[in-house]
mmCIF file of all heavy atoms, coordinates in Angstrom:
data_MODEL
# 
_entry.id   MODEL 
# 
loop_
_atom_site.group_PDB 
_atom_site.id 
_atom_site.type_symbol 
_atom_site.label_atom_id 
_atom_site.label_alt_id 
_atom_site.label_comp_id 
_atom_site.label_asym_id 
_atom_site.label_entity_id 
_atom_site.label_seq_id 
_atom_site.pdbx_PDB_ins_code 
_atom_site.Cartn_x 
_atom_site.Cartn_y 
_atom_site.Cartn_z 
_atom_site.occupancy 
_atom_site.B_iso_or_equiv 
_atom_site.pdbx_formal_charge 
_atom_site.auth_seq_id 
_atom_site.auth_comp_id 
_atom_site.auth_asym_id 
_atom_site.auth_atom_id 
_atom_site.pdbx_PDB_model_num 
ATOM 1   N N   . VAL A 1 1  ? 124.799 -34.154 -127.556 1.00 0.00 ? 1  VAL A N   1 
ATOM 2   C CA  . VAL A 1 1  ? 125.380 -33.335 -126.496 1.00 0.00 ? 1  VAL A CA  1 
ATOM 3   C C   . VAL A 1 1  ? 124.434 -33.391 -125.303 1.00 0.00 ? 1  VAL A C   1 
ATOM 4   O O   . VAL A 1 1  ? 123.529 -34.217 -125.268 1.00 0.00 ? 1  VAL A O   1 
ATOM 5   C CB  . VAL A 1 1  ? 125.636 -31.878 -126.953 1.00 0.00 ? 1  VAL A CB  1 
ATOM 6   C CG1 . VAL A 1 1  ? 126.756 -31.832 -127.971 1.00 0.00 ? 1  VAL A CG1 1 
ATOM 7   C CG2 . VAL A 1 1  ? 124.388 -31.213 -127.498 1.00 0.00 ? 1  VAL A CG2 1 
ATOM 8   N N   . ARG A 1 2  ? 124.634 -32.520 -124.370 1.00 0.00 ? 2  ARG A N   1 
ATOM 9   C CA  . ARG A 1 2  ? 123.974 -32.444 -123.073 1.00 0.00 ? 2  ARG A CA  1 
ATOM 10  C C   . ARG A 1 2  ? 124.781 -33.315 -122.123 1.00 0.00 ? 2  ARG A C   1 
ATOM 11  O O   . ARG A 1 2  ? 125.401 -34.291 -122.515 1.00 0.00 ? 2  ARG A O   1 
ATOM 12  C CB  . ARG A 1 2  ? 122.498 -32.808 -123.127 1.00 0.00 ? 2  ARG A CB  1 
ATOM 13  C CG  . ARG A 1 2  ? 121.722 -31.856 -124.079 1.00 0.00 ? 2  ARG A CG  1 
ATOM 14  C CD  . ARG A 1 2  ? 120.256 -32.066 -124.141 1.00 0.00 ? 2  ARG A CD  1 
ATOM 15  N NE  . ARG A 1 2  ? 119.575 -31.933 -122.885 1.00 0.00 ? 2  ARG A NE  1 
ATOM 16  C CZ  . ARG A 1 2  ? 119.168 -30.777 -122.352 1.00 0.00 ? 2  ARG A CZ  1 
ATOM 17  N NH1 . ARG A 1 2  ? 119.403 -29.631 -122.963 1.00 0.00 ? 2  ARG A NH1 1 
ATOM 18  N NH2 . ARG A 1 2  ? 118.514 -30.762 -121.217 1.00 0.00 ? 2  ARG A NH2 1 
ATOM 19  N N   . SER A 1 3  ? 124.801 -32.949 -120.890 1.00 0.00 ? 3  SER A N   1 
ATOM 20  C CA  . SER A 1 3  ? 125.731 -33.545 -119.932 1.00 0.00 ? 3  SER A CA  1 
ATOM 21  C C   . SER A 1 3  ? 125.528 -35.038 -119.726 1.00 0.00 ? 3  SER A C   1 
ATOM 22  O O   . SER A 1 3  ? 126.475 -35.749 -119.409 1.00 0.00 ? 3  SER A O   1 
ATOM 23  C CB  . SER A 1 3  ? 125.659 -32.806 -118.590 1.00 0.00 ? 3  SER A CB  1 
ATOM 24  O OG  . SER A 1 3  ? 124.356 -32.918 -118.043 1.00 0.00 ? 3  SER A OG  1 
ATOM 25  N N   . ARG A 1 4  ? 124.305 -35.538 -119.939 1.00 0.00 ? 4  ARG A N   1 
ATOM 26  C CA  . ARG A 1 4  ? 124.048 -36.961 -119.719 1.00 0.00 ? 4  ARG A CA  1 
ATOM 27  C C   . ARG A 1 4  ? 123.880 -37.736 -121.023 1.00 0.00 ? 4  ARG A C   1 
ATOM 28  O O   . ARG A 1 4  ? 123.536 -38.918 -121.011 1.00 0.00 ? 4  ARG A O   1 
ATOM 29  C CB  . ARG A 1 4  ? 122.847 -37.134 -118.793 1.00 0.00 ? 4  ARG A CB  1 
ATOM 30  C CG  . ARG A 1 4  ? 123.172 -36.640 -117.369 1.00 0.00 ? 4  ARG A CG  1 
ATOM 31  C CD  . ARG A 1 4  ? 122.003 -36.653 -116.406 1.00 0.00 ? 4  ARG A CD  1 
ATOM 32  N NE  . ARG A 1 4  ? 121.095 -37.775 -116.475 1.00 0.00 ? 4  ARG A NE  1 
ATOM 33  C CZ  . ARG A 1 4  ? 121.336 -39.002 -115.973 1.00 0.00 ? 4  ARG A CZ  1 
ATOM 34  N NH1 . ARG A 1 4  ? 122.480 -39.242 -115.365 1.00 0.00 ? 4  ARG A NH1 1 
ATOM 35  N NH2 . ARG A 1 4  ? 120.446 -39.956 -116.076 1.00 0.00 ? 4  ARG A NH2 1 
ATOM 36  N N   . ALA A 1 5  ? 124.083 -37.099 -122.160 1.00 0.00 ? 5  ALA A N   1 
ATOM 37  C CA  . ALA A 1 5  ? 124.071 -37.736 -123.482 1.00 0.00 ? 5  ALA A CA  1 
ATOM 38  C C   . ALA A 1 5  ? 122.895 -38.702 -123.653 1.00 0.00 ? 5  ALA A C   1 
ATOM 39  O O   . ALA A 1 5  ? 121.752 -38.290 -123.691 1.00 0.00 ? 5  ALA A O   1 
ATOM 40  C CB  . ALA A 1 5  ? 125.407 -38.404 -123.755 1.00 0.00 ? 5  ALA A CB  1 
ATOM 41  N N   . CYS A 1 6  ? 123.169 -40.005 -123.738 1.00 0.00 ? 6  CYS A N   1 
ATOM 42  C CA  . CYS A 1 6  ? 122.115 -41.006 -123.970 1.00 0.00 ? 6  CYS A CA  1 
ATOM 43  C C   . CYS A 1 6  ? 121.158 -41.157 -122.800 1.00 0.00 ? 6  CYS A C   1 
ATOM 44  O O   . CYS A 1 6  ? 120.061 -41.690 -122.976 1.00 0.00 ? 6  CYS A O   1 
ATOM 45  C CB  . CYS A 1 6  ? 122.735 -42.364 -124.282 1.00 0.00 ? 6  CYS A CB  1 
ATOM 46  S SG  . CYS A 1 6  ? 123.396 -42.460 -125.934 1.00 0.00 ? 6  CYS A SG  1 
ATOM 47  N N   . ALA A 1 7  ? 121.553 -40.737 -121.631 1.00 0.00 ? 7  ALA A N   1 
ATOM 48  C CA  . ALA A 1 7  ? 120.673 -40.839 -120.475 1.00 0.00 ? 7  ALA A CA  1 
ATOM 49  C C   . ALA A 1 7  ? 119.825 -39.578 -120.287 1.00 0.00 ? 7  ALA A C   1 
ATOM 50  O O   . ALA A 1 7  ? 118.973 -39.547 -119.412 1.00 0.00 ? 7  ALA A O   1 
ATOM 51  C CB  . ALA A 1 7  ? 121.487 -41.112 -119.211 1.00 0.00 ? 7  ALA A CB  1 
ATOM 52  N N   . ASP A 1 8  ? 120.048 -38.562 -121.101 1.00 0.00 ? 8  ASP A N   1 
ATOM 53  C CA  . ASP A 1 8  ? 119.287 -37.324 -120.993 1.00 0.00 ? 8  ASP A CA  1 
ATOM 54  C C   . ASP A 1 8  ? 117.873 -37.544 -121.518 1.00 0.00 ? 8  ASP A C   1 
ATOM 55  O O   . ASP A 1 8  ? 117.676 -37.994 -122.651 1.00 0.00 ? 8  ASP A O   1 
ATOM 56  C CB  . ASP A 1 8  ? 119.983 -36.225 -121.795 1.00 0.00 ? 8  ASP A CB  1 
ATOM 57  C CG  . ASP A 1 8  ? 119.248 -34.912 -121.709 1.00 0.00 ? 8  ASP A CG  1 
ATOM 58  O OD1 . ASP A 1 8  ? 119.538 -34.136 -120.784 1.00 0.00 ? 8  ASP A OD1 1 
ATOM 59  O OD2 . ASP A 1 8  ? 118.362 -34.679 -122.566 1.00 0.00 ? 8  ASP A OD2 1 
ATOM 60  N N   . ARG A 1 9  ? 116.882 -37.221 -120.705 1.00 0.00 ? 9  ARG A N   1 
ATOM 61  C CA  . ARG A 1 9  ? 115.489 -37.492 -121.091 1.00 0.00 ? 9  ARG A CA  1 
ATOM 62  C C   . ARG A 1 9  ? 115.068 -36.717 -122.333 1.00 0.00 ? 9  ARG A C   1 
ATOM 63  O O   . ARG A 1 9  ? 114.263 -37.204 -123.134 1.00 0.00 ? 9  ARG A O   1 
ATOM 64  C CB  . ARG A 1 9  ? 114.540 -37.224 -119.926 1.00 0.00 ? 9  ARG A CB  1 
ATOM 65  C CG  . ARG A 1 9  ? 114.424 -35.791 -119.498 1.00 0.00 ? 9  ARG A CG  1 
ATOM 66  C CD  . ARG A 1 9  ? 113.498 -35.630 -118.266 1.00 0.00 ? 9  ARG A CD  1 
ATOM 67  N NE  . ARG A 1 9  ? 113.476 -34.270 -117.800 1.00 0.00 ? 9  ARG A NE  1 
ATOM 68  C CZ  . ARG A 1 9  ? 112.618 -33.343 -118.234 1.00 0.00 ? 9  ARG A CZ  1 
ATOM 69  N NH1 . ARG A 1 9  ? 111.701 -33.652 -119.129 1.00 0.00 ? 9  ARG A NH1 1 
ATOM 70  N NH2 . ARG A 1 9  ? 112.677 -32.112 -117.768 1.00 0.00 ? 9  ARG A NH2 1 
ATOM 71  N N   . HIS A 1 10 ? 115.604 -35.517 -122.543 1.00 0.00 ? 10 HIS A N   1 
ATOM 72  C CA  . HIS A 1 10 ? 115.267 -34.748 -123.743 1.00 0.00 ? 10 HIS A CA  1 
ATOM 73  C C   . HIS A 1 10 ? 115.858 -35.410 -124.987 1.00 0.00 ? 10 HIS A C   1 
ATOM 74  O O   . HIS A 1 10 ? 115.181 -35.520 -126.010 1.00 0.00 ? 10 HIS A O   1 
ATOM 75  C CB  . HIS A 1 10 ? 115.748 -33.305 -123.623 1.00 0.00 ? 10 HIS A CB  1 
ATOM 76  C CG  . HIS A 1 10 ? 115.117 -32.555 -122.506 1.00 0.00 ? 10 HIS A CG  1 
ATOM 77  N ND1 . HIS A 1 10 ? 113.801 -32.147 -122.533 1.00 0.00 ? 10 HIS A ND1 1 
ATOM 78  C CD2 . HIS A 1 10 ? 115.606 -32.156 -121.310 1.00 0.00 ? 10 HIS A CD2 1 
ATOM 79  C CE1 . HIS A 1 10 ? 113.513 -31.523 -121.415 1.00 0.00 ? 10 HIS A CE1 1 
ATOM 80  N NE2 . HIS A 1 10 ? 114.593 -31.514 -120.649 1.00 0.00 ? 10 HIS A NE2 1 
ATOM 81  N N   . ASN A 1 11 ? 117.117 -35.831 -124.901 1.00 0.00 ? 11 ASN A N   1 
ATOM 82  C CA  . ASN A 1 11 ? 117.723 -36.534 -126.028 1.00 0.00 ? 11 ASN A CA  1 
ATOM 83  C C   . ASN A 1 11 ? 116.930 -37.789 -126.363 1.00 0.00 ? 11 ASN A C   1 
ATOM 84  O O   . ASN A 1 11 ? 116.635 -38.064 -127.536 1.00 0.00 ? 11 ASN A O   1 
ATOM 85  C CB  . ASN A 1 11 ? 119.178 -36.915 -125.720 1.00 0.00 ? 11 ASN A CB  1 
ATOM 86  C CG  . ASN A 1 11 ? 120.127 -35.749 -125.856 1.00 0.00 ? 11 ASN A CG  1 
ATOM 87  O OD1 . ASN A 1 11 ? 119.827 -34.741 -126.468 1.00 0.00 ? 11 ASN A OD1 1 
ATOM 88  N ND2 . ASN A 1 11 ? 121.306 -35.898 -125.268 1.00 0.00 ? 11 ASN A ND2 1 
ATOM 89  N N   . LEU A 1 12 ? 116.584 -38.564 -125.340 1.00 0.00 ? 12 LEU A N   1 
ATOM 90  C CA  . LEU A 1 12 ? 115.822 -39.792 -125.575 1.00 0.00 ? 12 LEU A CA  1 
ATOM 91  C C   . LEU A 1 12 ? 114.470 -39.494 -126.208 1.00 0.00 ? 12 LEU A C   1 
ATOM 92  O O   . LEU A 1 12 ? 114.032 -40.205 -127.127 1.00 0.00 ? 12 LEU A O   1 
ATOM 93  C CB  . LEU A 1 12 ? 115.646 -40.568 -124.271 1.00 0.00 ? 12 LEU A CB  1 
ATOM 94  C CG  . LEU A 1 12 ? 116.925 -41.175 -123.697 1.00 0.00 ? 12 LEU A CG  1 
ATOM 95  C CD1 . LEU A 1 12 ? 116.651 -41.761 -122.319 1.00 0.00 ? 12 LEU A CD1 1 
ATOM 96  C CD2 . LEU A 1 12 ? 117.505 -42.214 -124.642 1.00 0.00 ? 12 LEU A CD2 1 
ATOM 97  N N   . LYS A 1 13 ? 113.811 -38.452 -125.728 1.00 0.00 ? 13 LYS A N   1 
ATOM 98  C CA  . LYS A 1 13 ? 112.504 -38.076 -126.282 1.00 0.00 ? 13 LYS A CA  1 
ATOM 99  C C   . LYS A 1 13 ? 112.619 -37.772 -127.770 1.00 0.00 ? 13 LYS A C   1 
ATOM 100 O O   . LYS A 1 13 ? 111.834 -38.260 -128.586 1.00 0.00 ? 13 LYS A O   1 
ATOM 101 C CB  . LYS A 1 13 ? 111.948 -36.859 -125.544 1.00 0.00 ? 13 LYS A CB  1 
ATOM 102 C CG  . LYS A 1 13 ? 110.639 -36.326 -126.135 1.00 0.00 ? 13 LYS A CG  1 
ATOM 103 C CD  . LYS A 1 13 ? 110.221 -35.032 -125.486 1.00 0.00 ? 13 LYS A CD  1 
ATOM 104 C CE  . LYS A 1 13 ? 110.792 -33.898 -126.310 1.00 0.00 ? 13 LYS A CE  1 
ATOM 105 N NZ  . LYS A 1 13 ? 110.276 -32.583 -125.977 1.00 0.00 ? 13 LYS A NZ  1 
ATOM 106 N N   . TRP A 1 14 ? 113.625 -36.971 -128.152 1.00 0.00 ? 14 TRP A N   1 
ATOM 107 C CA  . TRP A 1 14 ? 113.761 -36.570 -129.552 1.00 0.00 ? 14 TRP A CA  1 
ATOM 108 C C   . TRP A 1 14 ? 114.230 -37.714 -130.437 1.00 0.00 ? 14 TRP A C   1 
ATOM 109 O O   . TRP A 1 14 ? 113.752 -37.868 -131.566 1.00 0.00 ? 14 TRP A O   1 
ATOM 110 C CB  . TRP A 1 14 ? 114.670 -35.346 -129.680 1.00 0.00 ? 14 TRP A CB  1 
ATOM 111 C CG  . TRP A 1 14 ? 113.972 -34.113 -129.236 1.00 0.00 ? 14 TRP A CG  1 
ATOM 112 C CD1 . TRP A 1 14 ? 114.206 -33.389 -128.094 1.00 0.00 ? 14 TRP A CD1 1 
ATOM 113 C CD2 . TRP A 1 14 ? 112.869 -33.482 -129.882 1.00 0.00 ? 14 TRP A CD2 1 
ATOM 114 N NE1 . TRP A 1 14 ? 113.321 -32.342 -128.005 1.00 0.00 ? 14 TRP A NE1 1 
ATOM 115 C CE2 . TRP A 1 14 ? 112.487 -32.375 -129.092 1.00 0.00 ? 14 TRP A CE2 1 
ATOM 116 C CE3 . TRP A 1 14 ? 112.165 -33.741 -131.052 1.00 0.00 ? 14 TRP A CE3 1 
ATOM 117 C CZ2 . TRP A 1 14 ? 111.436 -31.524 -129.449 1.00 0.00 ? 14 TRP A CZ2 1 
ATOM 118 C CZ3 . TRP A 1 14 ? 111.116 -32.897 -131.400 1.00 0.00 ? 14 TRP A CZ3 1 
ATOM 119 C CH2 . TRP A 1 14 ? 110.772 -31.811 -130.604 1.00 0.00 ? 14 TRP A CH2 1 
ATOM 120 N N   . ILE A 1 15 ? 115.160 -38.526 -129.952 1.00 0.00 ? 15 ILE A N   1 
ATOM 121 C CA  . ILE A 1 15 ? 115.610 -39.675 -130.745 1.00 0.00 ? 15 ILE A CA  1 
ATOM 122 C C   . ILE A 1 15 ? 114.428 -40.606 -131.003 1.00 0.00 ? 15 ILE A C   1 
ATOM 123 O O   . ILE A 1 15 ? 114.189 -41.052 -132.132 1.00 0.00 ? 15 ILE A O   1 
ATOM 124 C CB  . ILE A 1 15 ? 116.759 -40.423 -130.041 1.00 0.00 ? 15 ILE A CB  1 
ATOM 125 C CG1 . ILE A 1 15 ? 118.025 -39.558 -130.035 1.00 0.00 ? 15 ILE A CG1 1 
ATOM 126 C CG2 . ILE A 1 15 ? 117.030 -41.772 -130.720 1.00 0.00 ? 15 ILE A CG2 1 
ATOM 127 C CD1 . ILE A 1 15 ? 119.119 -40.081 -129.129 1.00 0.00 ? 15 ILE A CD1 1 
ATOM 128 N N   . ARG A 1 16 ? 113.687 -40.908 -129.947 1.00 0.00 ? 16 ARG A N   1 
ATOM 129 C CA  . ARG A 1 16 ? 112.524 -41.790 -130.091 1.00 0.00 ? 16 ARG A CA  1 
ATOM 130 C C   . ARG A 1 16 ? 111.503 -41.176 -131.060 1.00 0.00 ? 16 ARG A C   1 
ATOM 131 O O   . ARG A 1 16 ? 110.986 -41.858 -131.938 1.00 0.00 ? 16 ARG A O   1 
ATOM 132 C CB  . ARG A 1 16 ? 111.890 -42.055 -128.727 1.00 0.00 ? 16 ARG A CB  1 
ATOM 133 C CG  . ARG A 1 16 ? 110.721 -43.040 -128.796 1.00 0.00 ? 16 ARG A CG  1 
ATOM 134 C CD  . ARG A 1 16 ? 110.153 -43.361 -127.439 1.00 0.00 ? 16 ARG A CD  1 
ATOM 135 N NE  . ARG A 1 16 ? 110.931 -44.268 -126.635 1.00 0.00 ? 16 ARG A NE  1 
ATOM 136 C CZ  . ARG A 1 16 ? 111.158 -45.550 -126.917 1.00 0.00 ? 16 ARG A CZ  1 
ATOM 137 N NH1 . ARG A 1 16 ? 110.721 -46.063 -128.026 1.00 0.00 ? 16 ARG A NH1 1 
ATOM 138 N NH2 . ARG A 1 16 ? 111.832 -46.309 -126.085 1.00 0.00 ? 16 ARG A NH2 1 
ATOM 139 N N   . HIS A 1 17 ? 111.211 -39.883 -130.897 1.00 0.00 ? 17 HIS A N   1 
ATOM 140 C CA  . HIS A 1 17 ? 110.250 -39.218 -131.784 1.00 0.00 ? 17 HIS A CA  1 
ATOM 141 C C   . HIS A 1 17 ? 110.706 -39.299 -133.236 1.00 0.00 ? 17 HIS A C   1 
ATOM 142 O O   . HIS A 1 17 ? 109.928 -39.680 -134.121 1.00 0.00 ? 17 HIS A O   1 
ATOM 143 C CB  . HIS A 1 17 ? 110.061 -37.754 -131.363 1.00 0.00 ? 17 HIS A CB  1 
ATOM 144 C CG  . HIS A 1 17 ? 109.304 -36.953 -132.374 1.00 0.00 ? 17 HIS A CG  1 
ATOM 145 N ND1 . HIS A 1 17 ? 107.952 -37.120 -132.603 1.00 0.00 ? 17 HIS A ND1 1 
ATOM 146 C CD2 . HIS A 1 17 ? 109.725 -35.983 -133.237 1.00 0.00 ? 17 HIS A CD2 1 
ATOM 147 C CE1 . HIS A 1 17 ? 107.569 -36.289 -133.570 1.00 0.00 ? 17 HIS A CE1 1 
ATOM 148 N NE2 . HIS A 1 17 ? 108.620 -35.591 -133.957 1.00 0.00 ? 17 HIS A NE2 1 
ATOM 149 N N   . TYR A 1 18 ? 111.935 -38.922 -133.500 1.00 0.00 ? 18 TYR A N   1 
ATOM 150 C CA  . TYR A 1 18 ? 112.431 -38.934 -134.874 1.00 0.00 ? 18 TYR A CA  1 
ATOM 151 C C   . TYR A 1 18 ? 112.401 -40.345 -135.466 1.00 0.00 ? 18 TYR A C   1 
ATOM 152 O O   . TYR A 1 18 ? 111.956 -40.546 -136.592 1.00 0.00 ? 18 TYR A O   1 
ATOM 153 C CB  . TYR A 1 18 ? 113.852 -38.367 -134.946 1.00 0.00 ? 18 TYR A CB  1 
ATOM 154 C CG  . TYR A 1 18 ? 113.962 -36.857 -134.803 1.00 0.00 ? 18 TYR A CG  1 
ATOM 155 C CD1 . TYR A 1 18 ? 115.186 -36.281 -134.516 1.00 0.00 ? 18 TYR A CD1 1 
ATOM 156 C CD2 . TYR A 1 18 ? 112.873 -36.009 -134.956 1.00 0.00 ? 18 TYR A CD2 1 
ATOM 157 C CE1 . TYR A 1 18 ? 115.328 -34.896 -134.396 1.00 0.00 ? 18 TYR A CE1 1 
ATOM 158 C CE2 . TYR A 1 18 ? 112.995 -34.633 -134.835 1.00 0.00 ? 18 TYR A CE2 1 
ATOM 159 C CZ  . TYR A 1 18 ? 114.231 -34.081 -134.559 1.00 0.00 ? 18 TYR A CZ  1 
ATOM 160 O OH  . TYR A 1 18 ? 114.367 -32.714 -134.447 1.00 0.00 ? 18 TYR A OH  1 
ATOM 161 N N   . CYS A 1 19 ? 112.878 -41.326 -134.710 1.00 0.00 ? 19 CYS A N   1 
ATOM 162 C CA  . CYS A 1 19 ? 112.977 -42.684 -135.254 1.00 0.00 ? 19 CYS A CA  1 
ATOM 163 C C   . CYS A 1 19 ? 111.618 -43.360 -135.406 1.00 0.00 ? 19 CYS A C   1 
ATOM 164 O O   . CYS A 1 19 ? 111.410 -44.130 -136.343 1.00 0.00 ? 19 CYS A O   1 
ATOM 165 C CB  . CYS A 1 19 ? 113.905 -43.533 -134.392 1.00 0.00 ? 19 CYS A CB  1 
ATOM 166 S SG  . CYS A 1 19 ? 115.636 -43.025 -134.517 1.00 0.00 ? 19 CYS A SG  1 
ATOM 167 N N   . GLU A 1 20 ? 110.688 -43.090 -134.500 1.00 0.00 ? 20 GLU A N   1 
ATOM 168 C CA  . GLU A 1 20 ? 109.360 -43.698 -134.614 1.00 0.00 ? 20 GLU A CA  1 
ATOM 169 C C   . GLU A 1 20 ? 108.500 -42.992 -135.666 1.00 0.00 ? 20 GLU A C   1 
ATOM 170 O O   . GLU A 1 20 ? 107.718 -43.634 -136.361 1.00 0.00 ? 20 GLU A O   1 
ATOM 171 C CB  . GLU A 1 20 ? 108.651 -43.688 -133.261 1.00 0.00 ? 20 GLU A CB  1 
ATOM 172 C CG  . GLU A 1 20 ? 109.255 -44.674 -132.281 1.00 0.00 ? 20 GLU A CG  1 
ATOM 173 C CD  . GLU A 1 20 ? 108.616 -44.636 -130.906 1.00 0.00 ? 20 GLU A CD  1 
ATOM 174 O OE1 . GLU A 1 20 ? 107.819 -43.700 -130.607 1.00 0.00 ? 20 GLU A OE1 1 
ATOM 175 O OE2 . GLU A 1 20 ? 108.933 -45.542 -130.109 1.00 0.00 ? 20 GLU A OE2 1 
ATOM 176 N N   . THR A 1 21 ? 108.649 -41.690 -135.786 1.00 0.00 ? 21 THR A N   1 
ATOM 177 C CA  . THR A 1 21 ? 107.857 -40.926 -136.745 1.00 0.00 ? 21 THR A CA  1 
ATOM 178 C C   . THR A 1 21 ? 108.386 -41.079 -138.166 1.00 0.00 ? 21 THR A C   1 
ATOM 179 O O   . THR A 1 21 ? 107.604 -41.038 -139.117 1.00 0.00 ? 21 THR A O   1 
ATOM 180 C CB  . THR A 1 21 ? 107.842 -39.429 -136.348 1.00 0.00 ? 21 THR A CB  1 
ATOM 181 O OG1 . THR A 1 21 ? 107.405 -39.318 -134.989 1.00 0.00 ? 21 THR A OG1 1 
ATOM 182 C CG2 . THR A 1 21 ? 106.922 -38.614 -137.241 1.00 0.00 ? 21 THR A CG2 1 
ATOM 183 N N   . TYR A 1 22 ? 109.682 -41.277 -138.291 1.00 0.00 ? 22 TYR A N   1 
ATOM 184 C CA  . TYR A 1 22 ? 110.337 -41.330 -139.603 1.00 0.00 ? 22 TYR A CA  1 
ATOM 185 C C   . TYR A 1 22 ? 111.134 -42.635 -139.728 1.00 0.00 ? 22 TYR A C   1 
ATOM 186 O O   . TYR A 1 22 ? 112.367 -42.644 -139.665 1.00 0.00 ? 22 TYR A O   1 
ATOM 187 C CB  . TYR A 1 22 ? 111.240 -40.106 -139.785 1.00 0.00 ? 22 TYR A CB  1 
ATOM 188 C CG  . TYR A 1 22 ? 110.494 -38.808 -139.590 1.00 0.00 ? 22 TYR A CG  1 
ATOM 189 C CD1 . TYR A 1 22 ? 110.599 -38.095 -138.403 1.00 0.00 ? 22 TYR A CD1 1 
ATOM 190 C CD2 . TYR A 1 22 ? 109.647 -38.323 -140.577 1.00 0.00 ? 22 TYR A CD2 1 
ATOM 191 C CE1 . TYR A 1 22 ? 109.893 -36.915 -138.212 1.00 0.00 ? 22 TYR A CE1 1 
ATOM 192 C CE2 . TYR A 1 22 ? 108.931 -37.141 -140.392 1.00 0.00 ? 22 TYR A CE2 1 
ATOM 193 C CZ  . TYR A 1 22 ? 109.059 -36.444 -139.206 1.00 0.00 ? 22 TYR A CZ  1 
ATOM 194 O OH  . TYR A 1 22 ? 108.347 -35.283 -139.021 1.00 0.00 ? 22 TYR A OH  1 
ATOM 195 N N   . PRO A 1 23 ? 110.454 -43.765 -139.909 1.00 0.00 ? 23 PRO A N   1 
ATOM 196 C CA  . PRO A 1 23 ? 111.116 -45.073 -139.853 1.00 0.00 ? 23 PRO A CA  1 
ATOM 197 C C   . PRO A 1 23 ? 112.013 -45.402 -141.038 1.00 0.00 ? 23 PRO A C   1 
ATOM 198 O O   . PRO A 1 23 ? 112.742 -46.404 -140.995 1.00 0.00 ? 23 PRO A O   1 
ATOM 199 C CB  . PRO A 1 23 ? 109.938 -46.051 -139.771 1.00 0.00 ? 23 PRO A CB  1 
ATOM 200 C CG  . PRO A 1 23 ? 108.816 -45.343 -140.463 1.00 0.00 ? 23 PRO A CG  1 
ATOM 201 C CD  . PRO A 1 23 ? 109.008 -43.886 -140.123 1.00 0.00 ? 23 PRO A CD  1 
ATOM 202 N N   . ASN A 1 24 ? 112.009 -44.574 -142.077 1.00 0.00 ? 24 ASN A N   1 
ATOM 203 C CA  . ASN A 1 24 ? 112.831 -44.872 -143.250 1.00 0.00 ? 24 ASN A CA  1 
ATOM 204 C C   . ASN A 1 24 ? 114.227 -44.257 -143.172 1.00 0.00 ? 24 ASN A C   1 
ATOM 205 O O   . ASN A 1 24 ? 115.053 -44.497 -144.028 1.00 0.00 ? 24 ASN A O   1 
ATOM 206 C CB  . ASN A 1 24 ? 112.116 -44.400 -144.525 1.00 0.00 ? 24 ASN A CB  1 
ATOM 207 C CG  . ASN A 1 24 ? 112.682 -45.029 -145.769 1.00 0.00 ? 24 ASN A CG  1 
ATOM 208 O OD1 . ASN A 1 24 ? 113.021 -46.205 -145.787 1.00 0.00 ? 24 ASN A OD1 1 
ATOM 209 N ND2 . ASN A 1 24 ? 112.788 -44.243 -146.815 1.00 0.00 ? 24 ASN A ND2 1 
ATOM 210 N N   . LEU A 1 25 ? 114.496 -43.450 -142.137 1.00 0.00 ? 25 LEU A N   1 
ATOM 211 C CA  . LEU A 1 25 ? 115.845 -42.913 -141.971 1.00 0.00 ? 25 LEU A CA  1 
ATOM 212 C C   . LEU A 1 25 ? 116.664 -43.877 -141.114 1.00 0.00 ? 25 LEU A C   1 
ATOM 213 O O   . LEU A 1 25 ? 116.113 -44.746 -140.448 1.00 0.00 ? 25 LEU A O   1 
ATOM 214 C CB  . LEU A 1 25 ? 115.822 -41.511 -141.355 1.00 0.00 ? 25 LEU A CB  1 
ATOM 215 C CG  . LEU A 1 25 ? 115.419 -41.365 -139.903 1.00 0.00 ? 25 LEU A CG  1 
ATOM 216 C CD1 . LEU A 1 25 ? 116.623 -41.472 -138.975 1.00 0.00 ? 25 LEU A CD1 1 
ATOM 217 C CD2 . LEU A 1 25 ? 114.765 -40.017 -139.696 1.00 0.00 ? 25 LEU A CD2 1 
ATOM 218 N N   . LYS A 1 26 ? 117.952 -43.724 -141.158 1.00 0.00 ? 26 LYS A N   1 
ATOM 219 C CA  . LYS A 1 26 ? 118.854 -44.539 -140.348 1.00 0.00 ? 26 LYS A CA  1 
ATOM 220 C C   . LYS A 1 26 ? 119.640 -43.598 -139.444 1.00 0.00 ? 26 LYS A C   1 
ATOM 221 O O   . LYS A 1 26 ? 120.446 -42.816 -139.922 1.00 0.00 ? 26 LYS A O   1 
ATOM 222 C CB  . LYS A 1 26 ? 119.792 -45.338 -141.245 1.00 0.00 ? 26 LYS A CB  1 
ATOM 223 C CG  . LYS A 1 26 ? 119.057 -46.347 -142.117 1.00 0.00 ? 26 LYS A CG  1 
ATOM 224 C CD  . LYS A 1 26 ? 119.802 -46.534 -143.428 1.00 0.00 ? 26 LYS A CD  1 
ATOM 225 C CE  . LYS A 1 26 ? 118.944 -47.160 -144.480 1.00 0.00 ? 26 LYS A CE  1 
ATOM 226 N NZ  . LYS A 1 26 ? 118.048 -46.231 -145.168 1.00 0.00 ? 26 LYS A NZ  1 
# 
């Protein structure tokens, strides 16, 4: 969610954090 979805800097920050910190999830 959030008005800019994939372009939202907060969304990008959290997606990157989750995926880089937890590489075994999909």
